[in-house]
Amino acid sequence: MKVKKVVSNLVKEHLKEAFLWYNSKQTNLGKTFLKEVSMSVNYLCQNPLLFQIRYNTIRIAFLENFPYGVHYEYFSDKN
C-alpha cells in the first residue's frame, strides 16, 4: 500500500527546535532523535492502521526513546 506523507511547517519547526535542544544536551543526540522520528514515520507508512484512533481521526505512535508521539491521520483511497 502506497502512503503519501504530509508534514506541516509547524511540525517541521517543532522538530528543528527539539533537534537543537537535544544537541545542546549531548553531542549527536538531536541526530539520534530525528533518526528515530524518521524510522517511526517510515514504519507508520508501511503499517498505517497499526495504531488505534485516539481522538477524532488522529492516531498516535509514541517514540521508544524520546518523550514524543507521532500524531497522524490515515485516509484510505477505498471510500
N, C-alpha and C. Protein backbone atom coordinates (compact mmCIF):
# COMPACT_ATOMS: atom_id res chain seq x y z
N MET A 1 0.85 -1.17 0.00
CA MET A 1 0.00 0.00 0.00
C MET A 1 0.90 1.23 0.00
N LYS A 2 0.64 2.15 -0.92
CA LYS A 2 1.41 3.39 -1.00
C LYS A 2 0.76 4.46 -0.14
N VAL A 3 1.58 5.13 0.64
CA VAL A 3 1.09 6.16 1.53
C VAL A 3 1.84 7.46 1.24
N LYS A 4 1.11 8.54 1.16
CA LYS A 4 1.72 9.85 0.94
C LYS A 4 1.92 10.52 2.30
N LYS A 5 3.15 10.98 2.56
CA LYS A 5 3.45 11.68 3.81
C LYS A 5 3.29 13.18 3.59
N VAL A 6 2.60 13.82 4.51
CA VAL A 6 2.48 15.27 4.50
C VAL A 6 2.86 15.74 5.90
N VAL A 7 3.87 16.62 5.97
CA VAL A 7 4.33 17.14 7.26
C VAL A 7 4.13 18.65 7.24
N SER A 8 3.41 19.15 8.23
CA SER A 8 3.13 20.59 8.27
C SER A 8 4.39 21.38 8.63
N ASN A 9 4.38 22.65 8.27
CA ASN A 9 5.51 23.53 8.60
C ASN A 9 5.67 23.68 10.11
N LEU A 10 4.57 23.66 10.85
CA LEU A 10 4.63 23.75 12.31
C LEU A 10 5.37 22.54 12.88
N VAL A 11 5.07 21.36 12.37
CA VAL A 11 5.75 20.15 12.83
C VAL A 11 7.24 20.23 12.50
N LYS A 12 7.57 20.71 11.32
CA LYS A 12 8.98 20.85 10.94
C LYS A 12 9.71 21.78 11.89
N GLU A 13 9.06 22.86 12.28
CA GLU A 13 9.66 23.81 13.22
C GLU A 13 9.84 23.18 14.60
N HIS A 14 8.86 22.42 15.06
CA HIS A 14 8.97 21.74 16.36
C HIS A 14 10.10 20.71 16.34
N LEU A 15 10.23 20.00 15.23
CA LEU A 15 11.31 19.02 15.12
C LEU A 15 12.67 19.71 15.15
N LYS A 16 12.78 20.84 14.49
CA LYS A 16 14.03 21.60 14.48
C LYS A 16 14.38 22.07 15.89
N GLU A 17 13.40 22.58 16.62
CA GLU A 17 13.61 23.04 17.99
C GLU A 17 14.05 21.88 18.89
N ALA A 18 13.39 20.74 18.75
CA ALA A 18 13.75 19.57 19.56
C ALA A 18 15.15 19.09 19.20
N PHE A 19 15.48 19.08 17.92
CA PHE A 19 16.82 18.69 17.47
C PHE A 19 17.88 19.58 18.13
N LEU A 20 17.67 20.88 18.08
CA LEU A 20 18.64 21.81 18.66
C LEU A 20 18.74 21.63 20.18
N TRP A 21 17.61 21.42 20.83
CA TRP A 21 17.62 21.23 22.28
C TRP A 21 18.38 19.96 22.66
N TYR A 22 18.07 18.86 21.98
CA TYR A 22 18.78 17.60 22.29
C TYR A 22 20.27 17.72 22.00
N ASN A 23 20.64 18.41 20.93
CA ASN A 23 22.06 18.59 20.63
C ASN A 23 22.75 19.45 21.68
N SER A 24 22.02 20.37 22.29
CA SER A 24 22.61 21.19 23.35
C SER A 24 22.86 20.38 24.62
N LYS A 25 22.17 19.27 24.76
CA LYS A 25 22.32 18.41 25.94
C LYS A 25 23.41 17.37 25.76
N GLN A 26 23.56 16.89 24.52
CA GLN A 26 24.56 15.85 24.23
C GLN A 26 24.86 15.84 22.75
N THR A 27 26.13 15.74 22.41
CA THR A 27 26.54 15.72 21.01
C THR A 27 25.85 14.59 20.26
N ASN A 28 25.28 14.92 19.11
CA ASN A 28 24.59 13.98 18.21
C ASN A 28 23.28 13.41 18.75
N LEU A 29 22.83 13.86 19.90
CA LEU A 29 21.55 13.36 20.42
C LEU A 29 20.39 13.85 19.55
N GLY A 30 20.51 15.05 19.02
CA GLY A 30 19.49 15.57 18.10
C GLY A 30 19.39 14.72 16.86
N LYS A 31 20.52 14.30 16.35
CA LYS A 31 20.54 13.42 15.17
C LYS A 31 19.86 12.09 15.49
N THR A 32 20.13 11.57 16.66
CA THR A 32 19.51 10.31 17.08
C THR A 32 18.00 10.48 17.19
N PHE A 33 17.57 11.61 17.72
CA PHE A 33 16.14 11.91 17.84
C PHE A 33 15.48 11.94 16.46
N LEU A 34 16.07 12.70 15.52
CA LEU A 34 15.47 12.79 14.18
C LEU A 34 15.46 11.45 13.47
N LYS A 35 16.48 10.64 13.71
CA LYS A 35 16.53 9.31 13.10
C LYS A 35 15.38 8.45 13.63
N GLU A 36 15.12 8.52 14.93
CA GLU A 36 14.02 7.73 15.50
C GLU A 36 12.67 8.22 14.97
N VAL A 37 12.50 9.53 14.84
CA VAL A 37 11.26 10.07 14.27
C VAL A 37 11.09 9.56 12.84
N SER A 38 12.15 9.64 12.05
CA SER A 38 12.09 9.20 10.66
C SER A 38 11.76 7.72 10.55
N MET A 39 12.40 6.91 11.38
CA MET A 39 12.12 5.47 11.36
C MET A 39 10.67 5.19 11.75
N SER A 40 10.16 5.93 12.72
CA SER A 40 8.78 5.75 13.15
C SER A 40 7.81 6.12 12.03
N VAL A 41 8.06 7.24 11.36
CA VAL A 41 7.18 7.67 10.27
C VAL A 41 7.23 6.67 9.13
N ASN A 42 8.40 6.20 8.78
CA ASN A 42 8.51 5.19 7.71
C ASN A 42 7.78 3.92 8.08
N TYR A 43 7.87 3.50 9.34
CA TYR A 43 7.16 2.31 9.80
C TYR A 43 5.64 2.53 9.71
N LEU A 44 5.19 3.73 10.08
CA LEU A 44 3.76 4.05 10.01
C LEU A 44 3.26 4.06 8.57
N CYS A 45 4.11 4.48 7.66
CA CYS A 45 3.71 4.47 6.24
C CYS A 45 3.50 3.04 5.74
N GLN A 46 4.23 2.10 6.30
CA GLN A 46 4.08 0.70 5.92
C GLN A 46 2.92 0.03 6.67
N ASN A 47 2.59 0.57 7.85
CA ASN A 47 1.57 -0.03 8.72
C ASN A 47 0.64 1.06 9.28
N PRO A 48 -0.06 1.79 8.44
CA PRO A 48 -0.82 2.96 8.91
C PRO A 48 -1.98 2.64 9.85
N LEU A 49 -2.48 1.42 9.81
CA LEU A 49 -3.63 1.08 10.66
C LEU A 49 -3.22 0.40 11.97
N LEU A 50 -1.94 0.34 12.23
CA LEU A 50 -1.44 -0.37 13.40
C LEU A 50 -1.92 0.24 14.71
N PHE A 51 -2.00 1.55 14.75
CA PHE A 51 -2.39 2.22 15.99
C PHE A 51 -3.85 2.65 15.93
N GLN A 52 -4.51 2.57 17.07
CA GLN A 52 -5.94 2.90 17.11
C GLN A 52 -6.15 4.41 17.05
N ILE A 53 -7.35 4.79 16.66
CA ILE A 53 -7.72 6.20 16.65
C ILE A 53 -7.88 6.65 18.09
N ARG A 54 -7.21 7.73 18.44
CA ARG A 54 -7.23 8.23 19.82
C ARG A 54 -8.23 9.36 20.00
N TYR A 55 -8.34 10.25 19.02
CA TYR A 55 -9.33 11.31 19.07
C TYR A 55 -9.66 11.75 17.65
N ASN A 56 -10.94 11.97 17.40
CA ASN A 56 -11.45 12.28 16.06
C ASN A 56 -10.90 11.26 15.06
N THR A 57 -10.00 11.67 14.19
CA THR A 57 -9.41 10.75 13.20
C THR A 57 -7.90 10.60 13.42
N ILE A 58 -7.42 11.05 14.56
CA ILE A 58 -5.98 11.09 14.84
C ILE A 58 -5.52 9.83 15.57
N ARG A 59 -4.44 9.27 15.05
CA ARG A 59 -3.77 8.13 15.68
C ARG A 59 -2.45 8.63 16.25
N ILE A 60 -1.92 7.95 17.26
CA ILE A 60 -0.66 8.37 17.86
C ILE A 60 0.26 7.16 18.01
N ALA A 61 1.49 7.32 17.55
CA ALA A 61 2.53 6.31 17.75
C ALA A 61 3.63 6.98 18.58
N PHE A 62 3.90 6.46 19.76
CA PHE A 62 4.90 7.05 20.63
C PHE A 62 6.29 6.51 20.29
N LEU A 63 7.28 7.41 20.37
CA LEU A 63 8.66 7.00 20.15
C LEU A 63 9.13 6.15 21.32
N GLU A 64 10.11 5.30 21.08
CA GLU A 64 10.59 4.41 22.14
C GLU A 64 11.55 5.10 23.10
N ASN A 65 12.42 5.97 22.58
CA ASN A 65 13.50 6.52 23.41
C ASN A 65 13.38 8.00 23.72
N PHE A 66 12.33 8.64 23.24
CA PHE A 66 12.14 10.06 23.48
C PHE A 66 10.68 10.30 23.84
N PRO A 67 10.40 11.33 24.65
CA PRO A 67 9.02 11.56 25.09
C PRO A 67 8.18 12.32 24.05
N TYR A 68 8.06 11.74 22.89
CA TYR A 68 7.30 12.34 21.79
C TYR A 68 6.39 11.29 21.17
N GLY A 69 5.32 11.76 20.58
CA GLY A 69 4.42 10.89 19.83
C GLY A 69 4.21 11.45 18.44
N VAL A 70 4.10 10.57 17.48
CA VAL A 70 3.79 10.97 16.12
C VAL A 70 2.27 10.92 15.98
N HIS A 71 1.66 12.09 15.81
CA HIS A 71 0.22 12.19 15.62
C HIS A 71 -0.04 12.19 14.12
N TYR A 72 -0.93 11.31 13.68
CA TYR A 72 -1.15 11.22 12.24
C TYR A 72 -2.58 10.80 11.92
N GLU A 73 -2.95 11.08 10.68
CA GLU A 73 -4.23 10.65 10.13
C GLU A 73 -3.94 9.74 8.95
N TYR A 74 -4.82 8.79 8.76
CA TYR A 74 -4.71 7.90 7.58
C TYR A 74 -6.03 7.94 6.85
N PHE A 75 -5.95 8.26 5.56
CA PHE A 75 -7.14 8.27 4.71
C PHE A 75 -6.97 7.22 3.64
N SER A 76 -7.88 6.30 3.58
CA SER A 76 -7.84 5.23 2.59
C SER A 76 -8.43 5.71 1.27
N ASP A 77 -7.87 5.24 0.17
CA ASP A 77 -8.43 5.55 -1.15
C ASP A 77 -9.69 4.73 -1.42
N LYS A 78 -9.99 3.77 -0.58
CA LYS A 78 -11.12 2.85 -0.79
C LYS A 78 -12.37 3.35 -0.07
N ASN A 79 -12.79 4.57 -0.31
CA ASN A 79 -14.02 5.09 0.32
C ASN A 79 -15.04 5.44 -0.70
